[in-house]
Amino acid sequence: MCLKDLRDEFLYDCECRHLAKGSQRNYRAATRFLVDFLEWKQVTELEEVKPHHIRDLMKEKQDRSIRMSRWRKAKCKEKS
């Protein structure tokens, strides 16, 4: 099954369950990152997803978080 279709179905389910807008926004961002990352890895179908794709995704999120943290610290120092 197509990952984008699954994402859309999941987000619609969240809306139908009347999740808080903030929760829906967080799920939307997380699933967008997931699908974009997997497409970058040339994975578009659920059946193609392997454990190493998920590990790579988690590593990418950690690396981005570290880069953003360093960037924010540098910005704060510039303002001081």
PDB file of N, CA and C in Angstrom:
ATOM      1  N   MET A   1       0.843  -1.186   0.000  1.00  0.00           N
ATOM      2  CA  MET A   1       0.000   0.000   0.000  1.00  0.00           C
ATOM      3  C   MET A   1       0.885   1.244   0.000  1.00  0.00           C
ATOM      4  N   CYS A   2       0.461   2.253  -0.700  1.00  0.00           N
ATOM      5  CA  CYS A   2       1.211   3.498  -0.856  1.00  0.00           C
ATOM      6  C   CYS A   2       1.322   4.243   0.482  1.00  0.00           C
ATOM      7  N   LEU A   3       2.543   4.670   0.803  1.00  0.00           N
ATOM      8  CA  LEU A   3       2.774   5.344   2.086  1.00  0.00           C
ATOM      9  C   LEU A   3       1.996   6.649   2.210  1.00  0.00           C
ATOM     10  N   LYS A   4       1.900   7.409   1.115  1.00  0.00           N
ATOM     11  CA  LYS A   4       1.157   8.671   1.181  1.00  0.00           C
ATOM     12  C   LYS A   4      -0.320   8.419   1.471  1.00  0.00           C
ATOM     13  N   ASP A   5      -0.884   7.380   0.872  1.00  0.00           N
ATOM     14  CA  ASP A   5      -2.283   7.044   1.136  1.00  0.00           C
ATOM     15  C   ASP A   5      -2.481   6.630   2.588  1.00  0.00           C
ATOM     16  N   LEU A   6      -1.543   5.846   3.100  1.00  0.00           N
ATOM     17  CA  LEU A   6      -1.619   5.437   4.512  1.00  0.00           C
ATOM     18  C   LEU A   6      -1.539   6.645   5.440  1.00  0.00           C
ATOM     19  N   ARG A   7      -0.629   7.557   5.122  1.00  0.00           N
ATOM     20  CA  ARG A   7      -0.494   8.773   5.933  1.00  0.00           C
ATOM     21  C   ARG A   7      -1.796   9.565   5.923  1.00  0.00           C
ATOM     22  N   ASP A   8      -2.368   9.751   4.749  1.00  0.00           N
ATOM     23  CA  ASP A   8      -3.616  10.508   4.644  1.00  0.00           C
ATOM     24  C   ASP A   8      -4.743   9.829   5.424  1.00  0.00           C
ATOM     25  N   GLU A   9      -4.806   8.523   5.346  1.00  0.00           N
ATOM     26  CA  GLU A   9      -5.827   7.769   6.076  1.00  0.00           C
ATOM     27  C   GLU A   9      -5.641   7.914   7.586  1.00  0.00           C
ATOM     28  N   PHE A  10      -4.391   7.844   8.031  1.00  0.00           N
ATOM     29  CA  PHE A  10      -4.095   8.017   9.453  1.00  0.00           C
ATOM     30  C   PHE A  10      -4.491   9.412   9.934  1.00  0.00           C
ATOM     31  N   LEU A  11      -4.142  10.428   9.165  1.00  0.00           N
ATOM     32  CA  LEU A  11      -4.463  11.797   9.568  1.00  0.00           C
ATOM     33  C   LEU A  11      -5.977  12.034   9.575  1.00  0.00           C
ATOM     34  N   TYR A  12      -6.676  11.438   8.640  1.00  0.00           N
ATOM     35  CA  TYR A  12      -8.133  11.541   8.625  1.00  0.00           C
ATOM     36  C   TYR A  12      -8.724  10.865   9.864  1.00  0.00           C
ATOM     37  N   ASP A  13      -8.175   9.721  10.244  1.00  0.00           N
ATOM     38  CA  ASP A  13      -8.622   9.024  11.447  1.00  0.00           C
ATOM     39  C   ASP A  13      -8.403   9.901  12.687  1.00  0.00           C
ATOM     40  N   CYS A  14      -7.276  10.574  12.756  1.00  0.00           N
ATOM     41  CA  CYS A  14      -6.989  11.475  13.884  1.00  0.00           C
ATOM     42  C   CYS A  14      -8.028  12.592  13.952  1.00  0.00           C
ATOM     43  N   GLU A  15      -8.372  13.119  12.786  1.00  0.00           N
ATOM     44  CA  GLU A  15      -9.377  14.178  12.712  1.00  0.00           C
ATOM     45  C   GLU A  15     -10.744  13.655  13.162  1.00  0.00           C
ATOM     46  N   CYS A  16     -11.109  12.472  12.707  1.00  0.00           N
ATOM     47  CA  CYS A  16     -12.411  11.880  13.060  1.00  0.00           C
ATOM     48  C   CYS A  16     -12.523  11.586  14.549  1.00  0.00           C
ATOM     49  N   ARG A  17     -11.372  11.281  15.169  1.00  0.00           N
ATOM     50  CA  ARG A  17     -11.374  11.010  16.604  1.00  0.00           C
ATOM     51  C   ARG A  17     -11.305  12.300  17.428  1.00  0.00           C
ATOM     52  N   HIS A  18     -11.331  13.433  16.749  1.00  0.00           N
ATOM     53  CA  HIS A  18     -11.318  14.754  17.384  1.00  0.00           C
ATOM     54  C   HIS A  18     -10.105  14.954  18.297  1.00  0.00           C
ATOM     55  N   LEU A  19      -8.940  14.530  17.792  1.00  0.00           N
ATOM     56  CA  LEU A  19      -7.723  14.801  18.549  1.00  0.00           C
ATOM     57  C   LEU A  19      -7.490  16.308  18.581  1.00  0.00           C
ATOM     58  N   ALA A  20      -6.794  16.739  19.585  1.00  0.00           N
ATOM     59  CA  ALA A  20      -6.481  18.166  19.717  1.00  0.00           C
ATOM     60  C   ALA A  20      -5.739  18.647  18.466  1.00  0.00           C
ATOM     61  N   LYS A  21      -5.958  19.899  18.100  1.00  0.00           N
ATOM     62  CA  LYS A  21      -5.315  20.464  16.905  1.00  0.00           C
ATOM     63  C   LYS A  21      -3.797  20.350  16.980  1.00  0.00           C
ATOM     64  N   GLY A  22      -3.254  20.561  18.171  1.00  0.00           N
ATOM     65  CA  GLY A  22      -1.806  20.445  18.342  1.00  0.00           C
ATOM     66  C   GLY A  22      -1.313  19.031  18.084  1.00  0.00           C
ATOM     67  N   SER A  23      -2.070  18.049  18.553  1.00  0.00           N
ATOM     68  CA  SER A  23      -1.707  16.650  18.304  1.00  0.00           C
ATOM     69  C   SER A  23      -1.766  16.339  16.824  1.00  0.00           C
ATOM     70  N   GLN A  24      -2.814  16.814  16.168  1.00  0.00           N
ATOM     71  CA  GLN A  24      -2.933  16.589  14.725  1.00  0.00           C
ATOM     72  C   GLN A  24      -1.777  17.237  13.978  1.00  0.00           C
ATOM     73  N   ARG A  25      -1.393  18.430  14.394  1.00  0.00           N
ATOM     74  CA  ARG A  25      -0.272  19.134  13.757  1.00  0.00           C
ATOM     75  C   ARG A  25       1.031  18.345  13.948  1.00  0.00           C
ATOM     76  N   ASN A  26       1.242  17.816  15.173  1.00  0.00           N
ATOM     77  CA  ASN A  26       2.451  17.032  15.441  1.00  0.00           C
ATOM     78  C   ASN A  26       2.476  15.746  14.616  1.00  0.00           C
ATOM     79  N   TYR A  27       1.342  15.058  14.543  1.00  0.00           N
ATOM     80  CA  TYR A  27       1.262  13.840  13.740  1.00  0.00           C
ATOM     81  C   TYR A  27       1.491  14.149  12.263  1.00  0.00           C
ATOM     82  N   ARG A  28       0.935  15.261  11.797  1.00  0.00           N
ATOM     83  CA  ARG A  28       1.112  15.646  10.398  1.00  0.00           C
ATOM     84  C   ARG A  28       2.592  15.878  10.091  1.00  0.00           C
ATOM     85  N   ALA A  29       3.281  16.591  10.972  1.00  0.00           N
ATOM     86  CA  ALA A  29       4.703  16.871  10.758  1.00  0.00           C
ATOM     87  C   ALA A  29       5.532  15.590  10.826  1.00  0.00           C
ATOM     88  N   ALA A  30       5.239  14.737  11.799  1.00  0.00           N
ATOM     89  CA  ALA A  30       6.009  13.494  11.959  1.00  0.00           C
ATOM     90  C   ALA A  30       5.805  12.562  10.775  1.00  0.00           C
ATOM     91  N   THR A  31       4.566  12.435  10.317  1.00  0.00           N
ATOM     92  CA  THR A  31       4.312  11.534   9.198  1.00  0.00           C
ATOM     93  C   THR A  31       4.842  12.110   7.885  1.00  0.00           C
ATOM     94  N   ARG A  32       4.845  13.437   7.759  1.00  0.00           N
ATOM     95  CA  ARG A  32       5.429  14.062   6.567  1.00  0.00           C
ATOM     96  C   ARG A  32       6.930  13.768   6.523  1.00  0.00           C
ATOM     97  N   PHE A  33       7.594  13.935   7.671  1.00  0.00           N
ATOM     98  CA  PHE A  33       9.031  13.656   7.744  1.00  0.00           C
ATOM     99  C   PHE A  33       9.294  12.187   7.385  1.00  0.00           C
ATOM    100  N   LEU A  34       8.487  11.282   7.928  1.00  0.00           N
ATOM    101  CA  LEU A  34       8.645   9.851   7.661  1.00  0.00           C
ATOM    102  C   LEU A  34       8.494   9.538   6.172  1.00  0.00           C
ATOM    103  N   VAL A  35       7.413   9.993   5.576  1.00  0.00           N
ATOM    104  CA  VAL A  35       7.157   9.691   4.167  1.00  0.00           C
ATOM    105  C   VAL A  35       8.208  10.351   3.271  1.00  0.00           C
ATOM    106  N   ASP A  36       8.565  11.592   3.547  1.00  0.00           N
ATOM    107  CA  ASP A  36       9.594  12.270   2.745  1.00  0.00           C
ATOM    108  C   ASP A  36      10.931  11.536   2.840  1.00  0.00           C
ATOM    109  N   PHE A  37      11.285  11.124   4.052  1.00  0.00           N
ATOM    110  CA  PHE A  37      12.545  10.415   4.252  1.00  0.00           C
ATOM    111  C   PHE A  37      12.542   9.095   3.479  1.00  0.00           C
ATOM    112  N   LEU A  38      11.459   8.348   3.590  1.00  0.00           N
ATOM    113  CA  LEU A  38      11.388   7.058   2.895  1.00  0.00           C
ATOM    114  C   LEU A  38      11.390   7.240   1.378  1.00  0.00           C
ATOM    115  N   GLU A  39      10.725   8.272   0.880  1.00  0.00           N
ATOM    116  CA  GLU A  39      10.757   8.538  -0.560  1.00  0.00           C
ATOM    117  C   GLU A  39      12.172   8.882  -1.012  1.00  0.00           C
ATOM    118  N   TRP A  40      12.900   9.614  -0.173  1.00  0.00           N
ATOM    119  CA  TRP A  40      14.295   9.940  -0.468  1.00  0.00           C
ATOM    120  C   TRP A  40      15.117   8.654  -0.573  1.00  0.00           C
ATOM    121  N   LYS A  41      14.730   7.658   0.223  1.00  0.00           N
ATOM    122  CA  LYS A  41      15.379   6.340   0.172  1.00  0.00           C
ATOM    123  C   LYS A  41      14.767   5.458  -0.929  1.00  0.00           C
ATOM    124  N   GLN A  42      13.876   6.028  -1.725  1.00  0.00           N
ATOM    125  CA  GLN A  42      13.199   5.351  -2.831  1.00  0.00           C
ATOM    126  C   GLN A  42      12.289   4.221  -2.346  1.00  0.00           C
ATOM    127  N   VAL A  43      11.636   4.459  -1.217  1.00  0.00           N
ATOM    128  CA  VAL A  43      10.658   3.521  -0.652  1.00  0.00           C
ATOM    129  C   VAL A  43       9.310   4.233  -0.669  1.00  0.00           C
ATOM    130  N   THR A  44       8.353   3.684  -1.417  1.00  0.00           N
ATOM    131  CA  THR A  44       7.047   4.331  -1.524  1.00  0.00           C
ATOM    132  C   THR A  44       5.901   3.429  -1.098  1.00  0.00           C
ATOM    133  N   GLU A  45       6.184   2.160  -0.872  1.00  0.00           N
ATOM    134  CA  GLU A  45       5.152   1.198  -0.490  1.00  0.00           C
ATOM    135  C   GLU A  45       5.446   0.641   0.901  1.00  0.00           C
ATOM    136  N   LEU A  46       4.413   0.416   1.668  1.00  0.00           N
ATOM    137  CA  LEU A  46       4.565  -0.110   3.023  1.00  0.00           C
ATOM    138  C   LEU A  46       5.363  -1.414   3.030  1.00  0.00           C
ATOM    139  N   GLU A  47       5.102  -2.262   2.073  1.00  0.00           N
ATOM    140  CA  GLU A  47       5.758  -3.571   2.018  1.00  0.00           C
ATOM    141  C   GLU A  47       7.269  -3.470   1.789  1.00  0.00           C
ATOM    142  N   GLU A  48       7.731  -2.323   1.317  1.00  0.00           N
ATOM    143  CA  GLU A  48       9.163  -2.126   1.058  1.00  0.00           C
ATOM    144  C   GLU A  48       9.927  -1.653   2.290  1.00  0.00           C
ATOM    145  N   VAL A  49       9.238  -1.205   3.315  1.00  0.00           N
ATOM    146  CA  VAL A  49       9.893  -0.655   4.507  1.00  0.00           C
ATOM    147  C   VAL A  49      10.557  -1.790   5.286  1.00  0.00           C
ATOM    148  N   LYS A  50      11.823  -1.592   5.596  1.00  0.00           N
ATOM    149  CA  LYS A  50      12.615  -2.578   6.340  1.00  0.00           C
ATOM    150  C   LYS A  50      13.101  -1.940   7.643  1.00  0.00           C
ATOM    151  N   PRO A  51      13.483  -2.770   8.611  1.00  0.00           N
ATOM    152  CA  PRO A  51      13.966  -2.223   9.892  1.00  0.00           C
ATOM    153  C   PRO A  51      15.099  -1.211   9.739  1.00  0.00           C
ATOM    154  N   HIS A  52      16.001  -1.441   8.780  1.00  0.00           N
ATOM    155  CA  HIS A  52      17.113  -0.493   8.632  1.00  0.00           C
ATOM    156  C   HIS A  52      16.630   0.881   8.175  1.00  0.00           C
ATOM    157  N   HIS A  53      15.499   0.948   7.468  1.00  0.00           N
ATOM    158  CA  HIS A  53      14.952   2.259   7.096  1.00  0.00           C
ATOM    159  C   HIS A  53      14.524   3.031   8.339  1.00  0.00           C
ATOM    160  N   ILE A  54      13.906   2.338   9.275  1.00  0.00           N
ATOM    161  CA  ILE A  54      13.453   2.989  10.511  1.00  0.00           C
ATOM    162  C   ILE A  54      14.657   3.426  11.349  1.00  0.00           C
ATOM    163  N   ARG A  55      15.676   2.586  11.425  1.00  0.00           N
ATOM    164  CA  ARG A  55      16.891   2.976  12.156  1.00  0.00           C
ATOM    165  C   ARG A  55      17.536   4.206  11.513  1.00  0.00           C
ATOM    166  N   ASP A  56      17.603   4.218  10.181  1.00  0.00           N
ATOM    167  CA  ASP A  56      18.162   5.379   9.467  1.00  0.00           C
ATOM    168  C   ASP A  56      17.345   6.637   9.744  1.00  0.00           C
ATOM    169  N   LEU A  57      16.025   6.473   9.777  1.00  0.00           N
ATOM    170  CA  LEU A  57      15.141   7.603  10.072  1.00  0.00           C
ATOM    171  C   LEU A  57      15.422   8.167  11.462  1.00  0.00           C
ATOM    172  N   MET A  58      15.521   7.288  12.453  1.00  0.00           N
ATOM    173  CA  MET A  58      15.778   7.736  13.828  1.00  0.00           C
ATOM    174  C   MET A  58      17.134   8.438  13.928  1.00  0.00           C
ATOM    175  N   LYS A  59      18.136   7.918  13.241  1.00  0.00           N
ATOM    176  CA  LYS A  59      19.457   8.547  13.242  1.00  0.00           C
ATOM    177  C   LYS A  59      19.389   9.933  12.608  1.00  0.00           C
ATOM    178  N   GLU A  60      18.662  10.051  11.505  1.00  0.00           N
ATOM    179  CA  GLU A  60      18.510  11.350  10.844  1.00  0.00           C
ATOM    180  C   GLU A  60      17.823  12.357  11.764  1.00  0.00           C
ATOM    181  N   LYS A  61      16.782  11.918  12.471  1.00  0.00           N
ATOM    182  CA  LYS A  61      16.086  12.817  13.394  1.00  0.00           C
ATOM    183  C   LYS A  61      17.011  13.267  14.523  1.00  0.00           C
ATOM    184  N   GLN A  62      17.815  12.341  15.049  1.00  0.00           N
ATOM    185  CA  GLN A  62      18.767  12.691  16.102  1.00  0.00           C
ATOM    186  C   GLN A  62      19.791  13.697  15.592  1.00  0.00           C
ATOM    187  N   ASP A  63      20.322  13.435  14.404  1.00  0.00           N
ATOM    188  CA  ASP A  63      21.328  14.337  13.834  1.00  0.00           C
ATOM    189  C   ASP A  63      20.751  15.724  13.586  1.00  0.00           C
ATOM    190  N   ARG A  64      19.525  15.788  13.078  1.00  0.00           N
ATOM    191  CA  ARG A  64      18.888  17.083  12.842  1.00  0.00           C
ATOM    192  C   ARG A  64      18.653  17.819  14.154  1.00  0.00           C
ATOM    193  N   SER A  65      18.258  17.090  15.173  1.00  0.00           N
ATOM    194  CA  SER A  65      18.013  17.691  16.481  1.00  0.00           C
ATOM    195  C   SER A  65      19.303  18.291  17.038  1.00  0.00           C
ATOM    196  N   ILE A  66      20.397  17.573  16.906  1.00  0.00           N
ATOM    197  CA  ILE A  66      21.696  18.067  17.385  1.00  0.00           C
ATOM    198  C   ILE A  66      22.099  19.311  16.603  1.00  0.00           C
ATOM    199  N   ARG A  67      21.925  19.280  15.270  1.00  0.00           N
ATOM    200  CA  ARG A  67      22.281  20.458  14.460  1.00  0.00           C
ATOM    201  C   ARG A  67      21.431  21.661  14.838  1.00  0.00           C
ATOM    202  N   MET A  68      20.128  21.448  15.054  1.00  0.00           N
ATOM    203  CA  MET A  68      19.246  22.558  15.424  1.00  0.00           C
ATOM    204  C   MET A  68      19.618  23.104  16.801  1.00  0.00           C
ATOM    205  N   SER A  69      19.967  22.221  17.730  1.00  0.00           N
ATOM    206  CA  SER A  69      20.350  22.648  19.067  1.00  0.00           C
ATOM    207  C   SER A  69      21.606  23.527  18.999  1.00  0.00           C
ATOM    208  N   ARG A  70      22.574  23.111  18.211  1.00  0.00           N
ATOM    209  CA  ARG A  70      23.803  23.905  18.047  1.00  0.00           C
ATOM    210  C   ARG A  70      23.496  25.239  17.393  1.00  0.00           C
ATOM    211  N   TRP A  71      22.608  25.239  16.404  1.00  0.00           N
ATOM    212  CA  TRP A  71      22.246  26.462  15.713  1.00  0.00           C
ATOM    213  C   TRP A  71      21.564  27.429  16.685  1.00  0.00           C
ATOM    214  N   ARG A  72      20.643  26.928  17.502  1.00  0.00           N
ATOM    215  CA  ARG A  72      19.943  27.779  18.467  1.00  0.00           C
ATOM    216  C   ARG A  72      20.915  28.368  19.487  1.00  0.00           C
ATOM    217  N   LYS A  73      21.860  27.555  19.962  1.00  0.00           N
ATOM    218  CA  LYS A  73      22.853  28.054  20.921  1.00  0.00           C
ATOM    219  C   LYS A  73      23.692  29.160  20.294  1.00  0.00           C
ATOM    220  N   ALA A  74      24.078  28.974  19.038  1.00  0.00           N
ATOM    221  CA  ALA A  74      24.874  29.994  18.344  1.00  0.00           C
ATOM    222  C   ALA A  74      24.067  31.280  18.185  1.00  0.00           C
ATOM    223  N   LYS A  75      22.776  31.168  17.865  1.00  0.00           N
ATOM    224  CA  LYS A  75      21.925  32.349  17.722  1.00  0.00           C
ATOM    225  C   LYS A  75      21.792  33.083  19.049  1.00  0.00           C
ATOM    226  N   CYS A  76      21.652  32.327  20.128  1.00  0.00           N
ATOM    227  CA  CYS A  76      21.536  32.953  21.446  1.00  0.00           C
ATOM    228  C   CYS A  76      22.812  33.711  21.814  1.00  0.00           C
ATOM    229  N   LYS A  77      23.964  33.153  21.473  1.00  0.00           N
ATOM    230  CA  LYS A  77      25.231  33.800  21.760  1.00  0.00           C
ATOM    231  C   LYS A  77      25.377  35.093  20.956  1.00  0.00           C
ATOM    232  N   GLU A  78      24.870  35.087  19.719  1.00  0.00           N
ATOM    233  CA  GLU A  78      24.935  36.275  18.880  1.00  0.00           C
ATOM    234  C   GLU A  78      24.120  37.410  19.483  1.00  0.00           C
ATOM    235  N   LYS A  79      22.999  37.092  20.106  1.00  0.00           N
ATOM    236  CA  LYS A  79      22.125  38.110  20.694  1.00  0.00           C
ATOM    237  C   LYS A  79      22.694  38.687  21.976  1.00  0.00           C
ATOM    238  N   SER A  80      23.569  37.909  22.629  1.00  0.00           N
ATOM    239  CA  SER A  80      24.133  38.365  23.920  1.00  0.00           C
ATOM    240  C   SER A  80      25.176  39.424  23.741  1.00  0.00           C
TER     241      SER A  80
END
